[in-house]
């Protein structure tokens, strides 16, 4: 027996969920040509950053930490605080990292030294955009299917005719 299904154009979650898909595809295409970097600084010795390049998103934290056992007066210059939306820069992407998008997620930490008494610590997480897309797509499809099924059942129990669309078997 064939049951009428609600067409996707009548399912709000489909249209709402389409926006992140378009944004992710646009960001992936744009990041292969350009590097976009946002820096957020809310304390004098720590910054947070977002870096979108080579179809991957990197989230990082950089901080200055005083070495244990030292009490230095030669502290690094305080980093100026940014406004809540941060400081954004855009520059051409480096072609040597063009294959970076094929990798999986990466977590990196590293320490450098600033003078003799301070450690410059960097912690970063790189997530390829294909992984975000692959994680989002099934959730979006499932939510769209669930809402379409729910709406068509509500219309059927209310005795209303379903809007015209393709016929599908259940």
C-alpha atoms as a PDB file:
ATOM      1  CA  UNK A   1       0.000   0.000   0.000  1.00  0.00           C
ATOM      2  CA  UNK A   2       1.331   3.381  -0.945  1.00  0.00           C
ATOM      3  CA  UNK A   3       1.207   6.175   1.564  1.00  0.00           C
ATOM      4  CA  UNK A   4       1.651   9.772   0.690  1.00  0.00           C
ATOM      5  CA  UNK A   5       4.691  11.419   2.218  1.00  0.00           C
ATOM      6  CA  UNK A   6       5.169  15.072   2.967  1.00  0.00           C
ATOM      7  CA  UNK A   7       7.474  16.726   0.383  1.00  0.00           C
ATOM      8  CA  UNK A   8      10.722  18.171   1.743  1.00  0.00           C
ATOM      9  CA  UNK A   9       9.714  21.692   0.779  1.00  0.00           C
ATOM     10  CA  UNK A  10       7.108  21.561   3.572  1.00  0.00           C
ATOM     11  CA  UNK A  11       9.588  20.490   6.273  1.00  0.00           C
ATOM     12  CA  UNK A  12      11.141  23.505   8.100  1.00  0.00           C
ATOM     13  CA  UNK A  13      14.116  21.528   9.485  1.00  0.00           C
ATOM     14  CA  UNK A  14      15.200  20.785   5.917  1.00  0.00           C
ATOM     15  CA  UNK A  15      15.475  24.499   5.082  1.00  0.00           C
ATOM     16  CA  UNK A  16      16.977  25.465   8.440  1.00  0.00           C
ATOM     17  CA  UNK A  17      19.524  22.648   8.186  1.00  0.00           C
ATOM     18  CA  UNK A  18      20.457  23.552   4.623  1.00  0.00           C
ATOM     19  CA  UNK A  19      22.126  26.787   5.786  1.00  0.00           C
ATOM     20  CA  UNK A  20      24.994  25.062   7.701  1.00  0.00           C
ATOM     21  CA  UNK A  21      25.566  22.760   4.702  1.00  0.00           C
ATOM     22  CA  UNK A  22      25.952  25.743   2.387  1.00  0.00           C
ATOM     23  CA  UNK A  23      28.202  27.539   4.906  1.00  0.00           C
ATOM     24  CA  UNK A  24      30.454  24.474   5.355  1.00  0.00           C
ATOM     25  CA  UNK A  25      30.792  23.970   1.597  1.00  0.00           C
ATOM     26  CA  UNK A  26      31.526  27.671   1.057  1.00  0.00           C
ATOM     27  CA  UNK A  27      34.074  27.695   3.915  1.00  0.00           C
ATOM     28  CA  UNK A  28      35.848  24.628   2.513  1.00  0.00           C
ATOM     29  CA  UNK A  29      36.083  26.124  -0.978  1.00  0.00           C
ATOM     30  CA  UNK A  30      37.180  29.542   0.299  1.00  0.00           C
ATOM     31  CA  UNK A  31      39.746  28.143   2.733  1.00  0.00           C
ATOM     32  CA  UNK A  32      41.614  26.399  -0.081  1.00  0.00           C
ATOM     33  CA  UNK A  33      42.461  29.858  -1.480  1.00  0.00           C
ATOM     34  CA  UNK A  34      42.493  32.075   1.613  1.00  0.00           C
ATOM     35  CA  UNK A  35      43.484  31.777   5.249  1.00  0.00           C
ATOM     36  CA  UNK A  36      41.192  33.459   7.769  1.00  0.00           C
ATOM     37  CA  UNK A  37      42.424  33.911  11.315  1.00  0.00           C
ATOM     38  CA  UNK A  38      40.601  35.275  14.332  1.00  0.00           C
ATOM     39  CA  UNK A  39      42.384  36.134  17.582  1.00  0.00           C
ATOM     40  CA  UNK A  40      40.552  36.667  20.856  1.00  0.00           C
ATOM     41  CA  UNK A  41      42.364  38.000  23.900  1.00  0.00           C
ATOM     42  CA  UNK A  42      40.559  38.488  27.180  1.00  0.00           C
ATOM     43  CA  UNK A  43      43.513  38.292  29.600  1.00  0.00           C
ATOM     44  CA  UNK A  44      47.001  39.841  29.401  1.00  0.00           C
ATOM     45  CA  UNK A  45      48.905  36.548  29.063  1.00  0.00           C
ATOM     46  CA  UNK A  46      46.537  34.299  27.076  1.00  0.00           C
ATOM     47  CA  UNK A  47      45.025  34.340  23.567  1.00  0.00           C
ATOM     48  CA  UNK A  48      42.549  32.124  21.809  1.00  0.00           C
ATOM     49  CA  UNK A  49      42.430  31.730  18.064  1.00  0.00           C
ATOM     50  CA  UNK A  50      40.411  30.313  15.196  1.00  0.00           C
ATOM     51  CA  UNK A  51      42.185  29.550  11.952  1.00  0.00           C
ATOM     52  CA  UNK A  52      40.331  28.456   8.820  1.00  0.00           C
ATOM     53  CA  UNK A  53      42.651  27.290   6.053  1.00  0.00           C
ATOM     54  CA  UNK A  54      43.120  24.338   3.717  1.00  0.00           C
ATOM     55  CA  UNK A  55      39.584  23.038   4.412  1.00  0.00           C
ATOM     56  CA  UNK A  56      40.239  22.653   8.127  1.00  0.00           C
ATOM     57  CA  UNK A  57      39.391  24.571  11.276  1.00  0.00           C
ATOM     58  CA  UNK A  58      42.078  25.025  13.908  1.00  0.00           C
ATOM     59  CA  UNK A  59      41.190  26.109  17.441  1.00  0.00           C
ATOM     60  CA  UNK A  60      44.181  27.158  19.515  1.00  0.00           C
ATOM     61  CA  UNK A  61      45.174  28.633  22.856  1.00  0.00           C
ATOM     62  CA  UNK A  62      48.484  30.384  23.463  1.00  0.00           C
ATOM     63  CA  UNK A  63      49.654  31.435  26.893  1.00  0.00           C
ATOM     64  CA  UNK A  64      52.713  32.682  28.751  1.00  0.00           C
ATOM     65  CA  UNK A  65      53.518  30.745  31.923  1.00  0.00           C
ATOM     66  CA  UNK A  66      56.236  31.620  34.399  1.00  0.00           C
ATOM     67  CA  UNK A  67      58.768  28.809  34.829  1.00  0.00           C
ATOM     68  CA  UNK A  68      58.430  27.008  38.161  1.00  0.00           C
ATOM     69  CA  UNK A  69      60.925  28.221  40.758  1.00  0.00           C
ATOM     70  CA  UNK A  70      61.614  31.557  39.066  1.00  0.00           C
ATOM     71  CA  UNK A  71      60.346  34.948  40.082  1.00  0.00           C
ATOM     72  CA  UNK A  72      61.185  37.225  37.242  1.00  0.00           C
ATOM     73  CA  UNK A  73      60.367  40.852  36.893  1.00  0.00           C
ATOM     74  CA  UNK A  74      60.982  40.659  33.124  1.00  0.00           C
ATOM     75  CA  UNK A  75      57.488  39.540  32.210  1.00  0.00           C
ATOM     76  CA  UNK A  76      56.510  39.494  28.539  1.00  0.00           C
ATOM     77  CA  UNK A  77      54.586  42.483  27.294  1.00  0.00           C
ATOM     78  CA  UNK A  78      50.910  42.052  28.083  1.00  0.00           C
ATOM     79  CA  UNK A  79      48.888  41.184  25.011  1.00  0.00           C
ATOM     80  CA  UNK A  80      46.330  43.915  24.333  1.00  0.00           C
ATOM     81  CA  UNK A  81      42.759  42.808  24.952  1.00  0.00           C
ATOM     82  CA  UNK A  82      40.545  42.510  21.902  1.00  0.00           C
ATOM     83  CA  UNK A  83      36.916  43.457  21.546  1.00  0.00           C
ATOM     84  CA  UNK A  84      34.448  40.594  22.075  1.00  0.00           C
ATOM     85  CA  UNK A  85      34.382  39.789  18.332  1.00  0.00           C
ATOM     86  CA  UNK A  86      38.189  39.582  18.239  1.00  0.00           C
ATOM     87  CA  UNK A  87      40.747  40.658  15.665  1.00  0.00           C
ATOM     88  CA  UNK A  88      40.292  39.075  12.217  1.00  0.00           C
ATOM     89  CA  UNK A  89      42.925  38.728   9.497  1.00  0.00           C
ATOM     90  CA  UNK A  90      42.695  37.316   5.977  1.00  0.00           C
ATOM     91  CA  UNK A  91      45.622  36.316   3.767  1.00  0.00           C
ATOM     92  CA  UNK A  92      46.366  33.910   0.891  1.00  0.00           C
ATOM     93  CA  UNK A  93      46.602  30.240   1.936  1.00  0.00           C
ATOM     94  CA  UNK A  94      49.974  28.546   1.711  1.00  0.00           C
ATOM     95  CA  UNK A  95      50.065  26.010  -1.147  1.00  0.00           C
ATOM     96  CA  UNK A  96      52.455  23.679   0.729  1.00  0.00           C
ATOM     97  CA  UNK A  97      49.625  22.589   3.069  1.00  0.00           C
ATOM     98  CA  UNK A  98      47.117  21.935   0.274  1.00  0.00           C
ATOM     99  CA  UNK A  99      46.784  18.236   1.190  1.00  0.00           C
ATOM    100  CA  UNK A 100      46.107  18.968   4.851  1.00  0.00           C
ATOM    101  CA  UNK A 101      42.352  18.611   4.317  1.00  0.00           C
ATOM    102  CA  UNK A 102      42.736  14.869   3.694  1.00  0.00           C
ATOM    103  CA  UNK A 103      43.971  14.183   7.213  1.00  0.00           C
ATOM    104  CA  UNK A 104      41.895  13.411  10.273  1.00  0.00           C
ATOM    105  CA  UNK A 105      41.708  15.557  13.417  1.00  0.00           C
ATOM    106  CA  UNK A 106      45.006  16.494  15.065  1.00  0.00           C
ATOM    107  CA  UNK A 107      45.761  17.629  18.594  1.00  0.00           C
ATOM    108  CA  UNK A 108      49.081  19.424  19.155  1.00  0.00           C
ATOM    109  CA  UNK A 109      50.842  20.955  22.118  1.00  0.00           C
ATOM    110  CA  UNK A 110      54.139  22.745  22.155  1.00  0.00           C
ATOM    111  CA  UNK A 111      56.283  24.851  24.435  1.00  0.00           C
ATOM    112  CA  UNK A 112      58.675  27.583  23.452  1.00  0.00           C
ATOM    113  CA  UNK A 113      60.680  29.914  25.619  1.00  0.00           C
ATOM    114  CA  UNK A 114      60.353  33.636  26.053  1.00  0.00           C
ATOM    115  CA  UNK A 115      63.473  34.974  27.670  1.00  0.00           C
ATOM    116  CA  UNK A 116      64.837  32.826  30.468  1.00  0.00           C
ATOM    117  CA  UNK A 117      61.911  32.795  32.878  1.00  0.00           C
ATOM    118  CA  UNK A 118      58.795  32.353  30.731  1.00  0.00           C
ATOM    119  CA  UNK A 119      57.315  29.459  28.769  1.00  0.00           C
ATOM    120  CA  UNK A 120      55.195  30.140  25.677  1.00  0.00           C
ATOM    121  CA  UNK A 121      52.668  27.280  25.552  1.00  0.00           C
ATOM    122  CA  UNK A 122      50.528  26.482  22.503  1.00  0.00           C
ATOM    123  CA  UNK A 123      47.661  23.985  22.462  1.00  0.00           C
ATOM    124  CA  UNK A 124      45.704  23.434  19.242  1.00  0.00           C
ATOM    125  CA  UNK A 125      43.062  21.173  17.750  1.00  0.00           C
ATOM    126  CA  UNK A 126      42.712  20.909  13.961  1.00  0.00           C
ATOM    127  CA  UNK A 127      39.427  19.526  12.633  1.00  0.00           C
ATOM    128  CA  UNK A 128      39.010  18.982   8.880  1.00  0.00           C
ATOM    129  CA  UNK A 129      35.783  20.429   7.499  1.00  0.00           C
ATOM    130  CA  UNK A 130      34.923  17.132   5.828  1.00  0.00           C
ATOM    131  CA  UNK A 131      34.690  15.605   9.320  1.00  0.00           C
ATOM    132  CA  UNK A 132      32.321  18.353  10.509  1.00  0.00           C
ATOM    133  CA  UNK A 133      30.235  17.811   7.378  1.00  0.00           C
ATOM    134  CA  UNK A 134      30.234  14.018   7.832  1.00  0.00           C
ATOM    135  CA  UNK A 135      29.115  14.430  11.441  1.00  0.00           C
ATOM    136  CA  UNK A 136      26.424  16.995  10.653  1.00  0.00           C
ATOM    137  CA  UNK A 137      24.884  15.390   7.571  1.00  0.00           C
ATOM    138  CA  UNK A 138      23.420  12.255   9.248  1.00  0.00           C
ATOM    139  CA  UNK A 139      21.964  14.336  12.085  1.00  0.00           C
ATOM    140  CA  UNK A 140      20.334  16.722   9.626  1.00  0.00           C
ATOM    141  CA  UNK A 141      18.900  13.907   7.481  1.00  0.00           C
ATOM    142  CA  UNK A 142      17.582  12.124  10.581  1.00  0.00           C
ATOM    143  CA  UNK A 143      15.976  15.309  11.967  1.00  0.00           C
ATOM    144  CA  UNK A 144      14.398  16.068   8.572  1.00  0.00           C
ATOM    145  CA  UNK A 145      13.028  12.538   8.248  1.00  0.00           C
ATOM    146  CA  UNK A 146      11.658  12.620  11.815  1.00  0.00           C
ATOM    147  CA  UNK A 147       9.933  15.980  11.350  1.00  0.00           C
ATOM    148  CA  UNK A 148       8.450  15.001   7.961  1.00  0.00           C
ATOM    149  CA  UNK A 149       7.112  11.771   9.440  1.00  0.00           C
ATOM    150  CA  UNK A 150       5.683  13.570  12.466  1.00  0.00           C
ATOM    151  CA  UNK A 151       4.009  16.287  10.367  1.00  0.00           C
ATOM    152  CA  UNK A 152       2.493  13.780   7.922  1.00  0.00           C
ATOM    153  CA  UNK A 153       1.072  11.738  10.836  1.00  0.00           C
ATOM    154  CA  UNK A 154      -0.395  14.882  12.396  1.00  0.00           C
ATOM    155  CA  UNK A 155      -2.045  15.824   9.092  1.00  0.00           C
ATOM    156  CA  UNK A 156      -3.380  12.295   8.605  1.00  0.00           C
ATOM    157  CA  UNK A 157      -4.907  12.130  12.102  1.00  0.00           C
ATOM    158  CA  UNK A 158      -6.441  15.563  11.627  1.00  0.00           C
ATOM    159  CA  UNK A 159      -8.063  14.301   8.430  1.00  0.00           C
ATOM    160  CA  UNK A 160      -6.362  16.884   6.214  1.00  0.00           C
ATOM    161  CA  UNK A 161      -5.040  16.058   2.783  1.00  0.00           C
ATOM    162  CA  UNK A 162      -1.269  15.962   2.445  1.00  0.00           C
ATOM    163  CA  UNK A 163       0.277  18.522   0.089  1.00  0.00           C
ATOM    164  CA  UNK A 164       1.055  17.205  -3.380  1.00  0.00           C
ATOM    165  CA  UNK A 165       4.456  15.602  -3.754  1.00  0.00           C
ATOM    166  CA  UNK A 166       6.174  12.393  -4.812  1.00  0.00           C
ATOM    167  CA  UNK A 167       4.646   9.119  -3.736  1.00  0.00           C
ATOM    168  CA  UNK A 168       6.964   6.871  -1.782  1.00  0.00           C
ATOM    169  CA  UNK A 169       6.454   3.450  -0.264  1.00  0.00           C
ATOM    170  CA  UNK A 170       6.946   3.064   3.449  1.00  0.00           C
END
